[in-house]
C-alpha atoms as a PDB file:
ATOM      1  CA  MET A   1     -69.323  -7.505  84.351  1.00  0.00           C
ATOM      2  CA  ALA A   2     -70.054  -5.024  87.377  1.00  0.00           C
ATOM      3  CA  THR A   3     -67.334  -2.406  87.870  1.00  0.00           C
ATOM      4  CA  PRO A   4     -66.209  -2.658  91.489  1.00  0.00           C
ATOM      5  CA  VAL A   5     -67.562   0.494  93.542  1.00  0.00           C
ATOM      6  CA  SER A   6     -66.168   1.339  97.054  1.00  0.00           C
ATOM      7  CA  PRO A   7     -68.904   0.380  99.912  1.00  0.00           C
ATOM      8  CA  LYS A   8     -68.715   3.897 100.432  1.00  0.00           C
ATOM      9  CA  VAL A   9     -70.533   5.311  97.712  1.00  0.00           C
ATOM     10  CA  VAL A  10     -74.085   5.368  97.961  1.00  0.00           C
ATOM     11  CA  HIS A  11     -76.787   4.268  95.480  1.00  0.00           C
ATOM     12  CA  PRO A  12     -74.078   3.497  92.237  1.00  0.00           C
ATOM     13  CA  GLU A  13     -75.824   1.783  89.972  1.00  0.00           C
ATOM     14  CA  LEU A  14     -78.852   3.731  90.067  1.00  0.00           C
ATOM     15  CA  SER A  15     -76.923   7.104  90.181  1.00  0.00           C
ATOM     16  CA  TYR A  16     -75.140   5.992  86.892  1.00  0.00           C
ATOM     17  CA  ARG A  17     -78.711   5.424  84.951  1.00  0.00           C
ATOM     18  CA  ILE A  18     -79.663   8.486  86.116  1.00  0.00           C
ATOM     19  CA  ILE A  19     -76.750  10.539  84.807  1.00  0.00           C
ATOM     20  CA  GLY A  20     -77.131   8.322  82.061  1.00  0.00           C
ATOM     21  CA  THR A  21     -80.454   9.648  81.307  1.00  0.00           C
ATOM     22  CA  ALA A  22     -79.601  13.292  81.808  1.00  0.00           C
ATOM     23  CA  PHE A  23     -76.708  12.813  78.674  1.00  0.00           C
ATOM     24  CA  LYS A  24     -79.396  10.728  76.770  1.00  0.00           C
ATOM     25  CA  VAL A  25     -81.691  13.959  77.222  1.00  0.00           C
ATOM     26  CA  PHE A  26     -79.228  16.464  76.284  1.00  0.00           C
ATOM     27  CA  ASN A  27     -77.975  14.585  73.640  1.00  0.00           C
ATOM     28  CA  ASN A  28     -81.411  14.414  71.943  1.00  0.00           C
ATOM     29  CA  ILE A  29     -82.488  17.931  72.536  1.00  0.00           C
ATOM     30  CA  GLY A  30     -78.986  19.924  73.429  1.00  0.00           C
ATOM     31  CA  TYR A  31     -79.035  23.415  74.735  1.00  0.00           C
ATOM     32  CA  GLY A  32     -81.170  25.802  74.786  1.00  0.00           C
ATOM     33  CA  PHE A  33     -84.386  25.050  76.552  1.00  0.00           C
ATOM     34  CA  GLY A  34     -86.133  25.675  79.987  1.00  0.00           C
ATOM     35  CA  GLU A  35     -86.056  23.835  82.962  1.00  0.00           C
ATOM     36  CA  ARG A  36     -89.641  22.449  82.117  1.00  0.00           C
ATOM     37  CA  HIS A  37     -88.678  21.137  78.562  1.00  0.00           C
ATOM     38  CA  TYR A  38     -85.588  19.492  80.399  1.00  0.00           C
ATOM     39  CA  GLN A  39     -87.894  17.967  83.128  1.00  0.00           C
ATOM     40  CA  ARG A  40     -90.662  17.058  80.829  1.00  0.00           C
ATOM     41  CA  ALA A  41     -87.981  15.138  78.402  1.00  0.00           C
ATOM     42  CA  PHE A  42     -86.286  13.714  81.707  1.00  0.00           C
ATOM     43  CA  ALA A  43     -89.431  11.939  82.974  1.00  0.00           C
ATOM     44  CA  ASN A  44     -90.204  10.514  79.704  1.00  0.00           C
ATOM     45  CA  ALA A  45     -86.646   8.758  79.341  1.00  0.00           C
ATOM     46  CA  LEU A  46     -86.521   7.549  82.691  1.00  0.00           C
ATOM     47  CA  ALA A  47     -90.437   6.243  81.829  1.00  0.00           C
ATOM     48  CA  ALA A  48     -88.612   4.423  78.696  1.00  0.00           C
ATOM     49  CA  VAL A  49     -86.180   2.537  80.406  1.00  0.00           C
ATOM     50  CA  ALA A  50     -88.749   1.874  83.656  1.00  0.00           C
ATOM     51  CA  ILE A  51     -86.932   3.321  86.270  1.00  0.00           C
ATOM     52  CA  PRO A  52     -89.454   4.532  88.807  1.00  0.00           C
ATOM     53  CA  PHE A  53     -90.000   7.900  90.046  1.00  0.00           C
ATOM     54  CA  THR A  54     -92.258  10.587  91.309  1.00  0.00           C
ATOM     55  CA  LYS A  55     -91.865  14.127  90.044  1.00  0.00           C
ATOM     56  CA  GLU A  56     -92.912  17.450  91.716  1.00  0.00           C
ATOM     57  CA  GLN A  57     -92.774  15.757  95.192  1.00  0.00           C
ATOM     58  CA  LEU A  58     -93.911  17.872  97.839  1.00  0.00           C
ATOM     59  CA  VAL A  59     -92.225  18.354 100.990  1.00  0.00           C
ATOM     60  CA  THR A  60     -93.295  20.087 104.196  1.00  0.00           C
ATOM     61  CA  THR A  61     -90.384  20.983 106.773  1.00  0.00           C
ATOM     62  CA  ARG A  62     -91.623  21.390 110.283  1.00  0.00           C
ATOM     63  CA  TYR A  63     -90.377  22.538 113.657  1.00  0.00           C
ATOM     64  CA  GLU A  64     -92.064  21.107 116.792  1.00  0.00           C
ATOM     65  CA  GLY A  65     -94.843  19.999 114.462  1.00  0.00           C
ATOM     66  CA  GLN A  66     -95.439  23.315 113.059  1.00  0.00           C
ATOM     67  CA  PRO A  67     -94.906  23.673 109.174  1.00  0.00           C
ATOM     68  CA  LEU A  68     -92.053  25.954 108.580  1.00  0.00           C
ATOM     69  CA  GLY A  69     -91.789  25.931 104.560  1.00  0.00           C
ATOM     70  CA  ARG A  70     -92.597  23.436 101.732  1.00  0.00           C
ATOM     71  CA  TYR A  71     -90.619  22.576  98.660  1.00  0.00           C
ATOM     72  CA  PHE A  72     -91.285  20.550  95.579  1.00  0.00           C
ATOM     73  CA  LEU A  73     -88.882  18.432  94.961  1.00  0.00           C
ATOM     74  CA  ASP A  74     -88.359  18.153  90.642  1.00  0.00           C
ATOM     75  CA  PHE A  75     -87.681  14.314  90.954  1.00  0.00           C
ATOM     76  CA  VAL A  76     -87.296  10.986  93.554  1.00  0.00           C
ATOM     77  CA  VAL A  77     -86.399   8.527  91.801  1.00  0.00           C
ATOM     78  CA  ASP A  78     -87.018   4.694  93.051  1.00  0.00           C
ATOM     79  CA  ASP A  79     -87.831   6.532  96.510  1.00  0.00           C
ATOM     80  CA  LYS A  80     -84.091   6.770  96.732  1.00  0.00           C
ATOM     81  CA  ILE A  81     -82.288   9.814  95.135  1.00  0.00           C
ATOM     82  CA  VAL A  82     -83.581  13.183  94.995  1.00  0.00           C
ATOM     83  CA  VAL A  83     -82.809  14.724  91.325  1.00  0.00           C
ATOM     84  CA  GLU A  84     -82.916  18.141  90.873  1.00  0.00           C
ATOM     85  CA  LEU A  85     -83.013  19.800  87.143  1.00  0.00           C
ATOM     86  CA  LYS A  86     -80.912  23.155  86.436  1.00  0.00           C
ATOM     87  CA  VAL A  87     -80.263  25.531  83.317  1.00  0.00           C
ATOM     88  CA  ARG A  88     -77.289  27.132  84.323  1.00  0.00           C
ATOM     89  CA  PRO A  89     -74.031  27.934  82.698  1.00  0.00           C
ATOM     90  CA  ARG A  90     -72.398  26.457  85.584  1.00  0.00           C
ATOM     91  CA  LEU A  91     -72.611  24.545  89.051  1.00  0.00           C
ATOM     92  CA  GLY A  92     -73.718  26.884  91.872  1.00  0.00           C
ATOM     93  CA  TYR A  93     -73.335  26.777  95.823  1.00  0.00           C
ATOM     94  CA  THR A  94     -77.030  28.229  96.403  1.00  0.00           C
ATOM     95  CA  HIS A  95     -78.440  24.622  94.506  1.00  0.00           C
ATOM     96  CA  VAL A  96     -76.158  22.918  96.390  1.00  0.00           C
ATOM     97  CA  LYS A  97     -76.945  24.344  99.510  1.00  0.00           C
ATOM     98  CA  GLN A  98     -80.944  24.320  98.394  1.00  0.00           C
ATOM     99  CA  THR A  99     -80.872  20.624  97.487  1.00  0.00           C
ATOM    100  CA  MET A 100     -78.703  19.923 100.798  1.00  0.00           C
ATOM    101  CA  SER A 101     -81.682  21.374 102.680  1.00  0.00           C
ATOM    102  CA  TYR A 102     -84.141  18.884 100.499  1.00  0.00           C
ATOM    103  CA  LEU A 103     -81.851  16.003 101.822  1.00  0.00           C
ATOM    104  CA  LYS A 104     -82.197  17.077 105.460  1.00  0.00           C
ATOM    105  CA  SER A 105     -86.239  17.777 104.954  1.00  0.00           C
ATOM    106  CA  THR A 106     -86.667  14.066 103.494  1.00  0.00           C
ATOM    107  CA  GLY A 107     -83.931  11.795 105.008  1.00  0.00           C
ATOM    108  CA  TYR A 108     -82.701  11.045 101.723  1.00  0.00           C
ATOM    109  CA  GLN A 109     -79.293   9.730 101.576  1.00  0.00           C
ATOM    110  CA  LEU A 110     -78.742  11.150  98.368  1.00  0.00           C
ATOM    111  CA  ALA A 111     -79.409  13.877  95.468  1.00  0.00           C
ATOM    112  CA  ILE A 112     -77.745  14.453  91.807  1.00  0.00           C
ATOM    113  CA  LEU A 113     -77.975  17.973  91.029  1.00  0.00           C
ATOM    114  CA  ILE A 114     -77.956  17.962  87.088  1.00  0.00           C
ATOM    115  CA  TYR A 115     -77.361  21.062  85.203  1.00  0.00           C
ATOM    116  CA  PHE A 116     -77.697  21.607  81.628  1.00  0.00           C
ATOM    117  CA  THR A 117     -75.512  24.018  80.143  1.00  0.00           C
ATOM    118  CA  ARG A 118     -74.003  24.887  76.874  1.00  0.00           C
ATOM    119  CA  GLN A 119     -71.172  22.785  77.343  1.00  0.00           C
ATOM    120  CA  GLY A 120     -73.116  19.489  78.312  1.00  0.00           C
ATOM    121  CA  VAL A 121     -74.163  17.843  80.996  1.00  0.00           C
ATOM    122  CA  LYS A 122     -72.885  18.900  84.541  1.00  0.00           C
ATOM    123  CA  TYR A 123     -73.995  16.748  87.627  1.00  0.00           C
ATOM    124  CA  ARG A 124     -72.966  16.687  91.500  1.00  0.00           C
ATOM    125  CA  ARG A 125     -73.848  13.821  93.760  1.00  0.00           C
ATOM    126  CA  ILE A 126     -74.614  15.101  97.284  1.00  0.00           C
ATOM    127  CA  VAL A 127     -74.914  12.876  99.960  1.00  0.00           C
ATOM    128  CA  ASN A 128     -76.844  13.370 103.456  1.00  0.00           C
ATOM    129  CA  LEU A 129     -74.447  12.467 106.029  1.00  0.00           C
ATOM    130  CA  ALA A 130     -76.972  13.439 109.021  1.00  0.00           C
END
């Protein structure tokens, strides 16, 4: 039986699966690794459950046709959700702001910022309202 969800929640089922995958990674390898280790494990876990993703997608921001800069997104899942992985002790405003700029540059509606901390997995859903 599906859990009723507010129609305002963006991509609820896929979000749930992504966050569950992050918890699975943490439960398997624990805390203490660098971001690259978690990214590799997360990619393997997504592939194992057949969730489509692109890793390290290049995004170029432009102003009047001229390139301003570029980003490499950790993951774009199912061409719908940007996923950024961090190894930090707590959620930080700088990372939220950075992820918002990713959403504005790409036009995606949702990003999930996932932190692997000593206390476990922490996450924040970030919605692009524009």
